[in-house]
Amino acid sequence: MVIDDDQGVRTALCNLLDSAGYRSCSFAAAEDFLAADCLHTAACAIVDLRLARMSGFELAERLALLRPGLPLLFISAQATHRQRQRALSLAWPLLVKPVHADTLLALLAHALRQART
């Protein structure tokens, strides 16, 4: 799942994921993802930190209750040191946009492997 308020980012990430053999779906807002039927079947969520209403970190807190163990990868156009530290404290990486495709795919594969164990 890709949750980002920027349509261009959502499209690019979904194209990348689809071309790598993953099945992707995207949402412009955290609330839309939380209300979607696919919430319970998601294997991983790529989440922008700066969303319109609920932030990426707030979404992560909600997902920890609703889907414990769901791997998350955080992305942000402007990552601060504090945001990086918070992401690491949640055990999930924070990637800076534009995200390098190989790095994202490697982290995604790693997160999915960890979730299976």
Protein backbone atom coordinates (compact mmCIF):
# COMPACT_ATOMS: atom_id res chain seq x y z
CA MET A 1 0.00 0.00 0.00
CA VAL A 2 1.22 3.49 -0.81
CA ILE A 3 -0.17 6.34 1.27
CA ASP A 4 0.93 9.75 -0.01
CA ASP A 5 -0.99 12.94 -0.75
CA ASP A 6 1.03 13.58 -3.93
CA GLN A 7 -0.60 11.86 -6.93
CA GLY A 8 2.68 11.83 -8.86
CA VAL A 9 4.50 10.06 -6.03
CA ARG A 10 1.68 7.53 -5.65
CA THR A 11 1.70 6.78 -9.36
CA ALA A 12 5.49 6.47 -9.56
CA LEU A 13 5.71 4.20 -6.52
CA CYS A 14 2.85 1.99 -7.67
CA ASN A 15 4.44 1.68 -11.13
CA LEU A 16 7.74 0.70 -9.50
CA LEU A 17 6.10 -1.85 -7.21
CA ASP A 18 3.98 -3.32 -10.00
CA SER A 19 7.01 -3.63 -12.30
CA ALA A 20 8.89 -5.45 -9.52
CA GLY A 21 6.09 -8.03 -9.24
CA TYR A 22 4.23 -6.61 -6.25
CA ARG A 23 0.52 -5.78 -6.26
CA SER A 24 0.08 -2.17 -5.24
CA CYS A 25 -2.75 0.07 -4.21
CA SER A 26 -2.59 3.73 -3.23
CA PHE A 27 -4.40 6.23 -1.06
CA ALA A 28 -4.18 10.02 -0.82
CA ALA A 29 -4.96 10.09 2.91
CA ALA A 30 -4.38 7.92 5.96
CA GLU A 31 -8.08 7.93 6.73
CA ASP A 32 -8.87 6.48 3.29
CA PHE A 33 -6.44 3.61 3.88
CA LEU A 34 -7.85 2.91 7.34
CA ALA A 35 -11.38 2.73 5.91
CA ALA A 36 -10.43 0.48 2.98
CA ASP A 37 -11.22 -3.23 2.78
CA CYS A 38 -7.60 -3.95 1.85
CA LEU A 39 -6.29 -2.79 5.25
CA HIS A 40 -6.50 -6.35 6.55
CA THR A 41 -4.76 -7.90 3.54
CA ALA A 42 -1.93 -5.38 3.15
CA ALA A 43 1.55 -6.89 3.31
CA CYS A 44 3.35 -3.56 3.81
CA ALA A 45 2.59 0.16 3.79
CA ILE A 46 4.78 2.90 2.34
CA VAL A 47 3.70 6.01 4.23
CA ASP A 48 4.49 9.68 3.66
CA LEU A 49 5.09 11.51 6.93
CA ARG A 50 3.32 14.69 5.88
CA LEU A 51 -0.25 13.89 5.03
CA ALA A 52 -3.16 16.34 4.99
CA ARG A 53 -4.95 15.41 8.20
CA MET A 54 -3.43 12.42 10.00
CA SER A 55 0.38 12.34 9.83
CA GLY A 56 2.36 9.29 8.85
CA PHE A 57 3.44 8.79 12.46
CA GLU A 58 -0.17 9.03 13.64
CA LEU A 59 -1.12 6.44 11.03
CA ALA A 60 1.68 4.18 12.30
CA GLU A 61 0.29 4.44 15.83
CA ARG A 62 -3.19 3.47 14.61
CA LEU A 63 -1.81 0.60 12.55
CA ALA A 64 0.10 -0.71 15.56
CA LEU A 65 -3.31 -1.28 17.18
CA LEU A 66 -5.22 -2.44 14.10
CA ARG A 67 -2.51 -4.44 12.32
CA PRO A 68 0.35 -5.20 14.73
CA GLY A 69 3.41 -6.32 12.82
CA LEU A 70 2.44 -4.69 9.52
CA PRO A 71 5.74 -3.51 8.02
CA LEU A 72 5.98 0.21 7.30
CA LEU A 73 8.41 2.22 5.23
CA PHE A 74 8.28 5.95 5.84
CA ILE A 75 9.02 8.50 3.12
CA SER A 76 9.34 12.26 3.30
CA ALA A 77 10.48 15.11 1.07
CA GLN A 78 12.07 16.87 4.04
CA ALA A 79 13.20 14.47 6.73
CA THR A 80 14.53 16.04 9.90
CA HIS A 81 16.91 14.37 12.32
CA ARG A 82 14.08 14.13 14.83
CA GLN A 83 11.82 12.39 12.31
CA ARG A 84 14.57 9.92 11.43
CA GLN A 85 15.06 9.15 15.12
CA ARG A 86 11.33 8.66 15.65
CA ALA A 87 11.08 6.34 12.64
CA LEU A 88 13.99 4.28 13.92
CA SER A 89 12.40 4.13 17.38
CA LEU A 90 9.40 2.52 15.68
CA ALA A 91 11.83 0.13 13.93
CA TRP A 92 11.00 1.38 10.43
CA PRO A 93 13.27 3.23 7.99
CA LEU A 94 12.68 6.75 6.71
CA LEU A 95 13.57 7.37 3.09
CA VAL A 96 13.97 10.83 1.60
CA LYS A 97 12.17 11.69 -1.64
CA PRO A 98 13.00 11.20 -4.38
CA VAL A 99 13.32 7.62 -3.22
CA HIS A 100 15.98 5.50 -4.93
CA ALA A 101 14.16 2.56 -6.52
CA ASP A 102 16.73 -0.10 -5.66
CA THR A 103 16.90 1.04 -2.03
CA LEU A 104 13.13 1.01 -1.67
CA LEU A 105 12.79 -2.44 -3.23
CA ALA A 106 15.58 -3.86 -1.06
CA LEU A 107 14.02 -2.43 2.11
CA LEU A 108 10.60 -3.69 1.07
CA ALA A 109 11.90 -7.22 0.46
CA HIS A 110 13.67 -7.14 3.82
CA ALA A 111 10.55 -5.90 5.64
CA LEU A 112 8.40 -8.61 4.04
CA ARG A 113 10.91 -11.33 4.96
CA GLN A 114 10.97 -10.12 8.57
CA ALA A 115 7.18 -10.04 8.73
CA ARG A 116 7.01 -13.69 7.68
CA THR A 117 9.27 -14.85 10.50
